[in-house]
Amino acid sequence: MRFYDEFLSLWNRVCTASKPILEKIGRFLKELWAACKVAGKLLYRMRKVFLAIPVAWAAVYLAFYNLEKLPKVVGLDLQITGDFDIQVVRELAVLGPVALTALCLLLMFVSRRTLTPWLVSIFTLALPLLILLTNVFPV
């Protein structure tokens, strides 16, 4: 019985000595949790902006790249014979996909749904690549 009494007295001393430290740790964790909740709310509210920034950057980058690489007259709608059905100037072929991507991003900002218009805007980034691929053939 003596061992049991000594153990309980030791345990009580450890508990009373560690109680202020545990309270400080508990307060710190509560403050940390509150800060994480605020950061999470901010990220959730700004999710559309965070999703739009890389898409807009890629669209502008591809536009400048195509502005340098495409010929002055760009053909669209490649036929089986190897001719193009529509001929447009380079600026229109460059700014058209950028405008379509911007329209999808605008739809994302005014829509309640976020990911559907964002995914469509991701797929619109393929248009400048396809235009470049069909107009710049390796000779």
Foldseek 3Di string as FASTA:
>chain_A
DVVVVVVVVVVVVVCVVCVVVVVVVVVVVVVVVVVVVVVVVVCVVCVLVVLLVVLLVLLVVLLVVQVVQFDQKFAPDQDPVRDGPDIDGSNCQSVVLSVVLVVLSVCCVVDPDHVPSSVVSVVSSCSSVVSSDSGDDDD
